[in-house]
C-alpha cells in the first residue's frame, strides 16, 4: 500500500477539535496539571540533580520527527581503534527532576504515558520538564544516562557501559534529512556511521531470527485546510534509529538479568497453530512460502506495496499480541521470566530509552544506573517495580483506545455525506468464522474499515447464501455508513 501521504478532502478542524475535546472528557483524560505538580516541576527545572561527569564536548545529535521538543535520546557514533564501532547513546535522566513520592511522581503514575491526539498532546510530564529542562534540546547541557556500546566489525556488542553524565546535543535532525543526506552521498561521518551501524544491527536481527513488520500505519495530520489521513511506512532512517534504541534496550535487559532485578518488555512466542494459520492465509493469497523458508525471511522478502502482501502482513500482526512487562527482583522472591526473550526481537529487551514519554523507562533506567555503578538499586525504584507492569498495561490500553478513537473519528468526518459512493479497496482481513465480514483498506482516502460481502447483512455468518470477502484482493466497495457521532464507518462489497 502507499508509502506517501495521501491528500484528500480535509475534514473541518473546528468541528473535529470539538469532538476531540468531548472524546478526552469521555475517556477521562486529564489535560490540566495540578498546581502542586507545576510548582514542583518549576523548582526541579531550576535545581535538578546534576552528575559529576561532564561529557558536553561529545558531539551528540538527535533524530526525531520535525517540531518535536520532548527529545529523549541523542547519539554519537565513531570508529574504534583496531576495528569496530563505538556508540554513545544519551537518554534523558528524568529521575534527576522527579522526586520519589512527590507530586510529579504521583501524577506520572496516574498518566503512565504520553497520549497523542491530532489536536493536542497530553504529556506524561509537565512541559517545563518534558519539552524544556529535561529534554535533550540542541545547545543545552542536560543530565543524562550515557551508554557506551562498543561493537565489533559485524555489529556485535563487545562492551556495554553506563554512567550518569552531563551532555549537550549539538544538532537536531529529522528522519527525512538523514535519509536525504545518505541517499545523495552528502552524509557526514556521523550519519554515514548511523546507516552503517544500523544496517549491521539489522543483519544481526536477521541472523538471530528477529523481525520488524513493515506494515504502513494510518496517520492523522492537521493541515491549514483541516485534518487529513495518510499511510506511513517506516523508512530506512527510522530503521537505523530504531536499531540503536533496540541495541540499548537489549544491553539494559542483559544488565538487569545478570543483576537479578529489573523490568523487561516481553512478548511470548506465538503457538504453532498461529503459524499454521498464517500458512493457510499465505496460500489463499498466493503468497509463496516455501516450507523451508523461515518466517522472518519471508517477511523481509515481501513488498508491502503489493496488495496481496499487505493483506498477509496485516494478518501477521496477530503474532505480536500479548506484549507486556515483567518485573523481577530475585532477592525479594520475584523471579525473572523463565523465557526472557522478546519473541519479535529474538532477544531479551527492556524499554528504557523514552523516559520523558513512558513511565516504566524511568524505573528501568534507575536499576541499570545503579547496577552499572556497583551500587544498590534505590529503594523507591525497587519497591515500585512489582506495580509497574500493571500500570503500563493500563497505559498501553488507554493509548491504543485513544489512537483508534481518533482515527475512527477523522475517518467518519472525512466520509460523512458520501454514503452510496464507490471506492477501490484491498481486503486485508477476513473473519475465519464469519468470512462474509472483514476489513478493507482504501487507497484514497487512507481509511481502514469493516466491510460486508455482497449480499451479506452486517456481521452475518457465512451460510451458503451470503458471499465471501476475497482476502488480499482489490475490490470495489460502497460506503454504507459514515457516522461521526458514533465514529463508525462501514462498507459493503459491490
Protein backbone atom coordinates (compact mmCIF):
# COMPACT_ATOMS: atom_id res chain seq x y z
CA UNK A 1 0.00 0.00 0.00
CA UNK A 2 1.12 3.63 -0.44
CA UNK A 3 4.14 4.91 1.45
CA UNK A 4 3.39 8.54 0.66
CA UNK A 5 0.89 10.84 2.32
CA UNK A 6 -2.48 10.75 0.57
CA UNK A 7 -4.12 14.15 0.34
CA UNK A 8 -7.89 14.07 0.37
CA UNK A 9 -10.68 16.48 1.09
CA UNK A 10 -9.81 17.72 4.56
CA UNK A 11 -12.16 17.31 7.48
CA UNK A 12 -13.15 20.53 9.22
CA UNK A 13 -10.73 21.22 12.08
CA UNK A 14 -13.09 23.21 14.28
CA UNK A 15 -15.76 20.51 14.27
CA UNK A 16 -13.24 17.73 14.87
CA UNK A 17 -11.49 19.66 17.64
CA UNK A 18 -14.81 19.93 19.45
CA UNK A 19 -15.31 16.18 19.04
CA UNK A 20 -11.77 15.51 20.28
CA UNK A 21 -12.37 17.63 23.38
CA UNK A 22 -15.51 15.61 24.09
CA UNK A 23 -13.60 12.39 23.45
CA UNK A 24 -11.00 13.33 26.07
CA UNK A 25 -13.79 14.00 28.54
CA UNK A 26 -15.46 10.64 27.84
CA UNK A 27 -12.16 8.81 28.23
CA UNK A 28 -11.36 10.77 31.42
CA UNK A 29 -8.09 12.05 30.00
CA UNK A 30 -6.66 14.73 32.29
CA UNK A 31 -5.21 17.62 30.28
CA UNK A 32 -4.74 20.07 33.15
CA UNK A 33 -1.98 19.88 35.74
CA UNK A 34 -2.47 20.19 39.49
CA UNK A 35 -0.80 23.34 40.78
CA UNK A 36 1.46 21.36 43.10
CA UNK A 37 2.79 19.42 40.08
CA UNK A 38 3.55 22.61 38.15
CA UNK A 39 5.22 24.18 41.18
CA UNK A 40 7.37 21.10 41.77
CA UNK A 41 8.31 20.97 38.08
CA UNK A 42 9.40 24.60 38.13
CA UNK A 43 11.55 24.02 41.19
CA UNK A 44 13.05 20.84 39.74
CA UNK A 45 13.84 22.59 36.44
CA UNK A 46 15.80 25.22 38.33
CA UNK A 47 17.63 22.77 40.61
CA UNK A 48 17.99 19.32 39.03
CA UNK A 49 20.35 16.68 40.34
CA UNK A 50 23.48 17.10 38.21
CA UNK A 51 26.09 14.39 37.62
CA UNK A 52 29.80 14.89 38.23
CA UNK A 53 30.95 13.53 34.86
CA UNK A 54 30.98 16.16 32.11
CA UNK A 55 30.53 14.82 28.56
CA UNK A 56 29.25 18.03 26.97
CA UNK A 57 32.12 18.01 24.47
CA UNK A 58 30.76 14.80 22.89
CA UNK A 59 29.03 15.98 19.67
CA UNK A 60 25.72 14.19 20.14
CA UNK A 61 22.81 14.57 17.73
CA UNK A 62 19.11 13.70 17.85
CA UNK A 63 16.81 12.22 15.19
CA UNK A 64 13.11 12.91 15.73
CA UNK A 65 10.02 13.98 13.81
CA UNK A 66 10.09 17.67 12.77
CA UNK A 67 8.94 20.01 15.50
CA UNK A 68 9.44 17.56 18.37
CA UNK A 69 10.58 19.07 21.65
CA UNK A 70 10.34 16.06 24.00
CA UNK A 71 13.69 14.63 22.96
CA UNK A 72 14.57 11.52 24.97
CA UNK A 73 17.68 10.32 23.13
CA UNK A 74 20.83 11.62 21.48
CA UNK A 75 23.67 9.65 19.94
CA UNK A 76 27.25 9.78 18.73
CA UNK A 77 28.96 7.13 16.62
CA UNK A 78 32.63 6.60 15.92
CA UNK A 79 35.15 4.03 14.73
CA UNK A 80 37.00 2.06 17.39
CA UNK A 81 40.74 1.76 17.33
CA UNK A 82 41.55 -1.68 15.97
CA UNK A 83 38.22 -2.06 14.21
CA UNK A 84 34.57 -1.94 15.04
CA UNK A 85 32.37 0.88 16.25
CA UNK A 86 31.54 2.83 19.38
CA UNK A 87 28.03 4.10 20.03
CA UNK A 88 27.35 6.67 22.71
CA UNK A 89 23.65 6.88 23.47
CA UNK A 90 22.40 9.51 25.88
CA UNK A 91 18.94 9.16 27.45
CA UNK A 92 17.24 11.98 29.32
CA UNK A 93 17.68 11.49 33.08
CA UNK A 94 14.11 12.11 34.20
CA UNK A 95 14.89 10.90 37.71
CA UNK A 96 17.17 13.94 38.08
CA UNK A 97 13.98 16.04 38.13
CA UNK A 98 11.35 13.76 39.69
CA UNK A 99 11.35 13.38 43.46
CA UNK A 100 10.23 9.86 44.51
CA UNK A 101 6.87 10.10 46.18
CA UNK A 102 6.44 13.72 45.11
CA UNK A 103 3.66 15.39 43.16
CA UNK A 104 5.23 14.81 39.72
CA UNK A 105 5.87 11.15 40.53
CA UNK A 106 2.26 10.61 41.62
CA UNK A 107 0.85 12.36 38.56
CA UNK A 108 3.13 10.39 36.21
CA UNK A 109 1.91 7.13 37.74
CA UNK A 110 -1.64 8.25 37.03
CA UNK A 111 -0.89 9.25 33.41
CA UNK A 112 1.55 6.36 32.65
CA UNK A 113 2.46 7.57 29.15
CA UNK A 114 2.14 10.47 26.76
CA UNK A 115 -1.08 10.40 24.71
CA UNK A 116 -1.25 11.80 21.20
CA UNK A 117 -4.41 13.38 19.83
CA UNK A 118 -4.45 15.07 16.42
CA UNK A 119 -5.02 18.47 18.02
CA UNK A 120 -3.31 18.05 21.36
CA UNK A 121 -0.56 16.12 23.10
CA UNK A 122 -1.23 15.02 26.67
CA UNK A 123 2.28 14.58 28.09
CA UNK A 124 3.46 12.31 30.86
CA UNK A 125 5.38 15.16 32.49
CA UNK A 126 4.79 18.92 32.56
CA UNK A 127 6.11 20.78 29.53
CA UNK A 128 8.56 22.67 31.75
CA UNK A 129 10.37 19.36 32.04
CA UNK A 130 9.40 17.24 29.03
CA UNK A 131 9.88 19.99 26.44
CA UNK A 132 12.43 22.08 28.26
CA UNK A 133 14.64 21.34 31.23
CA UNK A 134 14.83 17.54 30.86
CA UNK A 135 14.66 17.37 27.05
CA UNK A 136 17.90 16.88 25.10
CA UNK A 137 17.41 20.05 23.10
CA UNK A 138 20.37 21.22 21.00
CA UNK A 139 22.87 23.52 22.66
CA UNK A 140 21.61 22.89 26.21
CA UNK A 141 23.53 20.99 28.92
CA UNK A 142 21.35 18.23 30.32
CA UNK A 143 21.70 15.41 32.88
CA UNK A 144 21.53 12.06 31.10
CA UNK A 145 22.20 8.36 31.34
CA UNK A 146 25.08 7.89 28.90
CA UNK A 147 25.58 4.43 27.43
CA UNK A 148 28.83 3.42 25.76
CA UNK A 149 28.27 0.44 23.48
CA UNK A 150 31.32 -0.99 21.75
CA UNK A 151 30.65 -3.19 18.74
CA UNK A 152 32.89 -5.39 16.63
CA UNK A 153 33.11 -5.11 12.85
CA UNK A 154 29.95 -7.22 12.48
CA UNK A 155 27.94 -5.05 14.88
CA UNK A 156 28.01 -7.46 17.84
CA UNK A 157 28.32 -5.94 21.32
CA UNK A 158 31.70 -6.48 22.96
CA UNK A 159 31.27 -3.96 25.81
CA UNK A 160 28.35 -2.12 27.37
CA UNK A 161 28.89 0.59 29.96
CA UNK A 162 26.59 3.15 31.56
CA UNK A 163 27.14 6.23 33.68
CA UNK A 164 25.37 9.43 34.59
CA UNK A 165 26.76 12.37 32.67
CA UNK A 166 26.12 15.96 31.75
CA UNK A 167 25.65 16.04 27.96
CA UNK A 168 24.85 18.51 25.24
CA UNK A 169 23.20 17.73 21.92
CA UNK A 170 24.96 19.62 19.14
CA UNK A 171 22.29 19.32 16.45
CA UNK A 172 18.73 18.18 15.86
CA UNK A 173 17.85 16.18 12.73
CA UNK A 174 14.71 14.54 11.37
CA UNK A 175 14.34 11.24 9.54
CA UNK A 176 13.86 12.77 6.10
CA UNK A 177 17.02 14.88 6.44
CA UNK A 178 19.06 11.84 7.43
CA UNK A 179 17.72 9.78 4.53
CA UNK A 180 18.37 12.56 2.02
CA UNK A 181 21.93 13.04 3.21
CA UNK A 182 22.72 9.33 3.00
CA UNK A 183 20.92 8.76 -0.31
CA UNK A 184 22.57 11.74 -2.04
CA UNK A 185 26.03 10.86 -0.80
CA UNK A 186 26.33 14.03 1.28
CA UNK A 187 26.19 12.42 4.70
CA UNK A 188 28.88 13.41 7.19
CA UNK A 189 30.75 10.75 9.14
CA UNK A 190 28.12 10.58 11.87
CA UNK A 191 25.20 9.96 9.54
CA UNK A 192 27.22 7.57 7.39
CA UNK A 193 28.05 5.59 10.53
CA UNK A 194 24.40 5.60 11.60
CA UNK A 195 23.49 3.98 8.28
CA UNK A 196 26.38 1.52 8.59
CA UNK A 197 25.80 0.50 12.21
CA UNK A 198 22.04 0.47 11.74
CA UNK A 199 22.44 -1.82 8.76
CA UNK A 200 24.76 -4.14 10.68
CA UNK A 201 22.31 -4.35 13.54
CA UNK A 202 19.52 -5.17 11.09
CA UNK A 203 21.66 -8.02 9.78
CA UNK A 204 22.20 -9.29 13.30
CA UNK A 205 18.47 -9.13 13.89
CA UNK A 206 18.03 -11.22 10.77
CA UNK A 207 20.64 -13.74 11.96
CA UNK A 208 19.02 -14.29 15.34
CA UNK A 209 15.53 -14.62 13.83
CA UNK A 210 14.09 -11.26 14.86
CA UNK A 211 11.62 -9.39 12.71
CA UNK A 212 10.04 -5.98 12.25
CA UNK A 213 6.79 -5.90 10.31
CA UNK A 214 6.78 -3.23 7.54
CA UNK A 215 3.06 -2.55 7.81
CA UNK A 216 2.09 1.01 6.77
CA UNK A 217 0.29 2.80 9.58
CA UNK A 218 -2.51 5.31 9.36
CA UNK A 219 -1.65 8.88 10.31
CA UNK A 220 -3.91 11.79 11.15
CA UNK A 221 -2.39 15.16 10.29
CA UNK A 222 -3.74 18.65 10.79
CA UNK A 223 -3.11 20.98 7.84
CA UNK A 224 -4.09 24.54 7.04
CA UNK A 225 -7.20 23.13 5.36
CA UNK A 226 -8.22 20.70 8.10
CA UNK A 227 -7.43 17.11 9.02
CA UNK A 228 -6.23 14.54 6.50
CA UNK A 229 -5.42 10.85 6.69
CA UNK A 230 -2.38 9.15 5.24
CA UNK A 231 -0.38 5.94 5.36
CA UNK A 232 3.19 5.90 6.58
CA UNK A 233 5.63 3.04 6.40
CA UNK A 234 8.97 3.29 8.22
CA UNK A 235 11.82 4.48 6.00
CA UNK A 236 15.49 3.47 6.22
CA UNK A 237 16.36 6.20 8.75
CA UNK A 238 13.52 5.04 11.01
CA UNK A 239 15.04 1.59 10.92
CA UNK A 240 18.60 2.74 11.64
CA UNK A 241 17.47 4.93 14.52
CA UNK A 242 15.28 2.14 15.90
CA UNK A 243 18.21 -0.28 15.83
CA UNK A 244 20.29 1.99 18.07
CA UNK A 245 17.42 2.18 20.53
CA UNK A 246 16.91 -1.59 20.38
CA UNK A 247 20.64 -2.14 20.87
CA UNK A 248 20.45 -0.08 24.07
CA UNK A 249 17.29 -1.81 25.27
CA UNK A 250 18.89 -5.23 24.79
CA UNK A 251 22.03 -4.14 26.65
CA UNK A 252 19.83 -2.89 29.50
CA UNK A 253 17.96 -6.19 29.63
CA UNK A 254 21.19 -8.18 29.82
CA UNK A 255 22.48 -5.90 32.58
CA UNK A 256 19.33 -6.33 34.66
CA UNK A 257 19.09 -10.08 34.10
CA UNK A 258 22.68 -10.50 35.29
CA UNK A 259 21.85 -8.46 38.40
CA UNK A 260 18.62 -10.36 39.09
CA UNK A 261 16.50 -7.22 39.29
CA UNK A 262 14.76 -5.13 36.67
CA UNK A 263 11.91 -4.62 34.24
CA UNK A 264 11.69 -6.37 30.85
CA UNK A 265 9.48 -5.78 27.84
CA UNK A 266 8.24 -9.24 26.94
CA UNK A 267 6.41 -10.96 24.11
CA UNK A 268 5.65 -14.69 24.28
CA UNK A 269 6.37 -16.89 21.31
CA UNK A 270 3.35 -17.50 19.12
CA UNK A 271 1.85 -21.00 19.39
CA UNK A 272 2.50 -23.37 16.44
CA UNK A 273 -1.15 -23.05 15.44
CA UNK A 274 -0.65 -19.35 14.71
CA UNK A 275 1.97 -20.15 12.06
CA UNK A 276 -0.23 -22.86 10.61
CA UNK A 277 -2.99 -20.28 10.24
CA UNK A 278 -0.57 -17.88 8.54
CA UNK A 279 0.43 -20.60 6.09
CA UNK A 280 -3.23 -21.10 5.21
CA UNK A 281 -3.63 -17.35 4.69
CA UNK A 282 -0.47 -17.22 2.57
CA UNK A 283 -1.80 -20.00 0.37
CA UNK A 284 -5.14 -18.23 0.00
CA UNK A 285 -3.33 -15.03 -1.01
CA UNK A 286 -0.92 -16.71 -3.43
CA UNK A 287 1.97 -15.57 -1.25
CA UNK A 288 4.69 -18.11 -1.91
CA UNK A 289 6.04 -19.52 1.37
CA UNK A 290 8.37 -22.48 0.79
CA UNK A 291 8.27 -24.96 3.64
CA UNK A 292 11.98 -24.50 4.35
CA UNK A 293 11.85 -20.68 4.39
CA UNK A 294 11.81 -19.26 7.95
CA UNK A 295 9.02 -16.84 8.77
CA UNK A 296 11.36 -13.81 9.32
CA UNK A 297 12.97 -14.34 5.91
CA UNK A 298 9.57 -14.50 4.27
CA UNK A 299 8.57 -11.17 5.82
CA UNK A 300 11.75 -9.48 4.60
CA UNK A 301 11.09 -10.71 1.07
CA UNK A 302 7.63 -9.13 0.80
CA UNK A 303 6.92 -5.73 -0.71
CA UNK A 304 4.13 -4.16 1.39
CA UNK A 305 3.06 -2.05 -1.61
CA UNK A 306 1.69 -5.23 -3.26
CA UNK A 307 -1.94 -5.64 -2.11
CA UNK A 308 -1.71 -9.39 -1.51
CA UNK A 309 1.42 -8.87 0.58
CA UNK A 310 -0.19 -6.03 2.52
CA UNK A 311 -3.07 -8.30 3.46
CA UNK A 312 -0.70 -11.04 4.58
CA UNK A 313 1.43 -8.62 6.63
CA UNK A 314 -1.70 -7.35 8.31
CA UNK A 315 -2.52 -10.92 9.33
CA UNK A 316 1.00 -11.27 10.75
CA UNK A 317 0.36 -8.54 13.32
CA UNK A 318 -1.58 -11.16 15.27
CA UNK A 319 1.75 -12.71 16.28
CA UNK A 320 2.64 -9.51 18.15
CA UNK A 321 -0.31 -9.67 20.54
CA UNK A 322 0.48 -10.40 24.14
CA UNK A 323 3.34 -7.94 24.65
CA UNK A 324 3.73 -6.84 28.25
CA UNK A 325 6.13 -6.05 31.06
CA UNK A 326 7.77 -8.37 33.56
CA UNK A 327 9.24 -7.01 36.79
CA UNK A 328 11.65 -9.19 38.72
CA UNK A 329 13.70 -8.92 41.89
CA UNK A 330 15.14 -12.29 42.77
CA UNK A 331 16.46 -11.12 46.15
CA UNK A 332 12.86 -10.42 47.14
CA UNK A 333 11.32 -13.58 45.71
CA UNK A 334 10.15 -12.05 42.43
CA UNK A 335 11.68 -14.29 39.73
CA UNK A 336 12.83 -13.34 36.27
CA UNK A 337 10.80 -14.83 33.41
CA UNK A 338 11.73 -18.39 32.52
CA UNK A 339 11.81 -17.32 28.85
CA UNK A 340 13.07 -13.73 28.94
CA UNK A 341 13.43 -13.21 25.18
CA UNK A 342 11.08 -10.86 23.37
CA UNK A 343 9.75 -13.09 20.60
CA UNK A 344 9.77 -10.46 17.84
CA UNK A 345 13.34 -9.40 18.64
CA UNK A 346 14.58 -12.91 19.49
CA UNK A 347 16.47 -11.46 22.47
CA UNK A 348 15.77 -10.12 25.96
CA UNK A 349 14.76 -6.48 25.76
CA UNK A 350 13.82 -3.57 28.03
CA UNK A 351 12.03 -0.32 27.41
CA UNK A 352 14.46 2.29 28.75
CA UNK A 353 15.03 4.89 26.03
CA UNK A 354 11.87 7.03 26.27
CA UNK A 355 11.52 8.14 29.91
CA UNK A 356 10.01 11.51 29.00
CA UNK A 357 7.06 9.72 27.38
CA UNK A 358 6.78 6.33 29.12
CA UNK A 359 6.64 5.75 32.89
CA UNK A 360 8.32 2.36 33.07
CA UNK A 361 11.52 3.57 31.42
CA UNK A 362 12.43 5.70 34.46
CA UNK A 363 12.42 2.64 36.71
CA UNK A 364 14.44 0.53 34.26
CA UNK A 365 16.95 3.37 33.94
CA UNK A 366 17.44 3.62 37.68
CA UNK A 367 18.05 -0.10 38.01
CA UNK A 368 20.59 -0.04 35.18
CA UNK A 369 22.39 3.04 36.50
CA UNK A 370 22.73 1.53 39.98
CA UNK A 371 23.89 -1.87 38.73
CA UNK A 372 26.43 -0.33 36.35
CA UNK A 373 27.82 1.83 39.16
CA UNK A 374 28.05 -1.14 41.56
CA UNK A 375 25.50 0.45 43.88
CA UNK A 376 22.28 -0.74 45.46
CA UNK A 377 19.14 -0.13 43.45
CA UNK A 378 17.30 2.78 45.13
CA UNK A 379 14.54 1.62 47.45
CA UNK A 380 11.94 3.79 45.72
CA UNK A 381 12.61 2.07 42.41
CA UNK A 382 12.87 -1.40 43.90
CA UNK A 383 9.63 -1.07 45.85
CA UNK A 384 7.75 0.25 42.81
CA UNK A 385 8.89 -2.45 40.38
CA UNK A 386 6.12 -5.00 41.15
CA UNK A 387 3.45 -2.38 40.44
CA UNK A 388 4.85 -1.14 37.13
CA UNK A 389 3.66 -3.94 34.77
CA UNK A 390 0.00 -3.38 35.68
CA UNK A 391 0.39 0.39 35.35
CA UNK A 392 2.00 0.04 31.93
CA UNK A 393 -0.66 -2.42 30.76
CA UNK A 394 -3.40 0.08 31.65
CA UNK A 395 -1.47 2.87 29.94
CA UNK A 396 -0.97 0.83 26.79
CA UNK A 397 -4.66 0.00 26.63
CA UNK A 398 -5.62 3.63 27.03
CA UNK A 399 -3.13 4.78 24.39
CA UNK A 400 -4.48 2.21 21.95
CA UNK A 401 -8.03 3.28 22.66
CA UNK A 402 -7.12 6.93 22.07
CA UNK A 403 -5.32 6.20 18.82
CA UNK A 404 -8.15 4.12 17.39
CA UNK A 405 -10.85 6.56 18.50
CA UNK A 406 -9.04 9.49 16.88
CA UNK A 407 -8.57 7.69 13.57
CA UNK A 408 -12.19 6.46 13.61
CA UNK A 409 -13.43 9.99 14.18
CA UNK A 410 -11.41 11.53 11.35
CA UNK A 411 -12.37 8.69 9.00
CA UNK A 412 -16.07 9.24 9.72
CA UNK A 413 -15.76 13.01 9.31
CA UNK A 414 -13.91 12.67 6.01
CA UNK A 415 -16.54 10.34 4.59
CA UNK A 416 -19.70 11.81 6.11
CA UNK A 417 -22.19 12.69 3.40
CA UNK A 418 -20.57 10.36 0.86
CA UNK A 419 -22.75 7.33 1.65
CA UNK A 420 -23.55 5.46 -1.55
CA UNK A 421 -20.23 6.32 -3.23
CA UNK A 422 -17.96 3.55 -4.52
CA UNK A 423 -14.26 3.18 -3.70
CA UNK A 424 -11.41 0.83 -4.56
CA UNK A 425 -10.11 -1.18 -1.60
CA UNK A 426 -7.95 -4.13 -0.61
CA UNK A 427 -9.39 -6.80 1.65
CA UNK A 428 -6.75 -7.02 4.38
CA UNK A 429 -8.57 -9.24 6.88
CA UNK A 430 -11.41 -11.75 6.85
CA UNK A 431 -13.01 -13.25 9.91
CA UNK A 432 -12.40 -17.01 9.63
CA UNK A 433 -15.67 -17.76 11.42
CA UNK A 434 -17.62 -15.08 9.54
CA UNK A 435 -15.96 -14.82 6.10
CA UNK A 436 -18.76 -12.57 4.88
CA UNK A 437 -17.28 -9.85 7.10
CA UNK A 438 -13.80 -8.39 7.24
CA UNK A 439 -11.63 -5.28 6.98
CA UNK A 440 -10.78 -3.32 3.86
CA UNK A 441 -8.10 -0.72 3.28
CA UNK A 442 -8.90 2.08 0.86
CA UNK A 443 -6.22 3.59 -1.27
CA UNK A 444 -7.76 7.06 -1.31
CA UNK A 445 -8.71 8.28 1.24
CA UNK A 446 -6.44 6.39 3.65
CA UNK A 447 -9.20 4.57 5.50
CA UNK A 448 -9.45 1.12 7.07
CA UNK A 449 -12.93 -0.05 8.00
CA UNK A 450 -15.25 -3.02 8.34
CA UNK A 451 -16.84 -4.35 5.19
CA UNK A 452 -19.55 -6.88 4.37
CA UNK A 453 -19.53 -9.16 1.37
CA UNK A 454 -22.07 -8.56 -1.36
CA UNK A 455 -25.47 -9.75 -0.17
CA UNK A 456 -24.41 -10.17 3.45
CA UNK A 457 -26.01 -8.39 6.37
CA UNK A 458 -23.50 -6.63 8.68
CA UNK A 459 -21.79 -9.23 10.83
CA UNK A 460 -23.66 -12.14 9.25
CA UNK A 461 -22.13 -15.58 9.30
CA UNK A 462 -21.45 -17.36 6.02
CA UNK A 463 -24.44 -19.61 5.46
CA UNK A 464 -24.03 -20.60 1.85
CA UNK A 465 -26.17 -17.75 0.53
CA UNK A 466 -24.01 -14.82 1.53
CA UNK A 467 -20.80 -14.14 -0.32
CA UNK A 468 -17.27 -14.27 1.00
CA UNK A 469 -14.81 -11.40 1.03
CA UNK A 470 -11.76 -12.31 -1.11
CA UNK A 471 -8.79 -11.84 1.20
CA UNK A 472 -5.98 -9.85 -0.37
CA UNK A 473 -7.91 -8.87 -3.47
CA UNK A 474 -8.67 -5.41 -4.79
CA UNK A 475 -12.44 -4.95 -4.89
CA UNK A 476 -14.97 -2.16 -5.30
CA UNK A 477 -16.83 -1.26 -2.13
CA UNK A 478 -19.73 1.06 -1.41
CA UNK A 479 -19.87 3.29 1.64
CA UNK A 480 -22.94 2.38 3.69
CA UNK A 481 -22.27 4.20 6.96
CA UNK A 482 -20.17 7.23 7.94
CA UNK A 483 -21.34 8.49 11.32
CA UNK A 484 -19.04 10.89 13.22
CA UNK A 485 -21.29 10.74 16.30
CA UNK A 486 -20.55 7.04 16.79
CA UNK A 487 -17.18 7.16 14.94
CA UNK A 488 -18.45 4.39 12.66
CA UNK A 489 -17.51 3.71 9.03
CA UNK A 490 -18.72 0.64 7.15
CA UNK A 491 -18.65 -0.58 3.57
CA UNK A 492 -20.27 -3.29 1.52
CA UNK A 493 -18.72 -5.07 -1.44
CA UNK A 494 -20.29 -4.07 -4.74
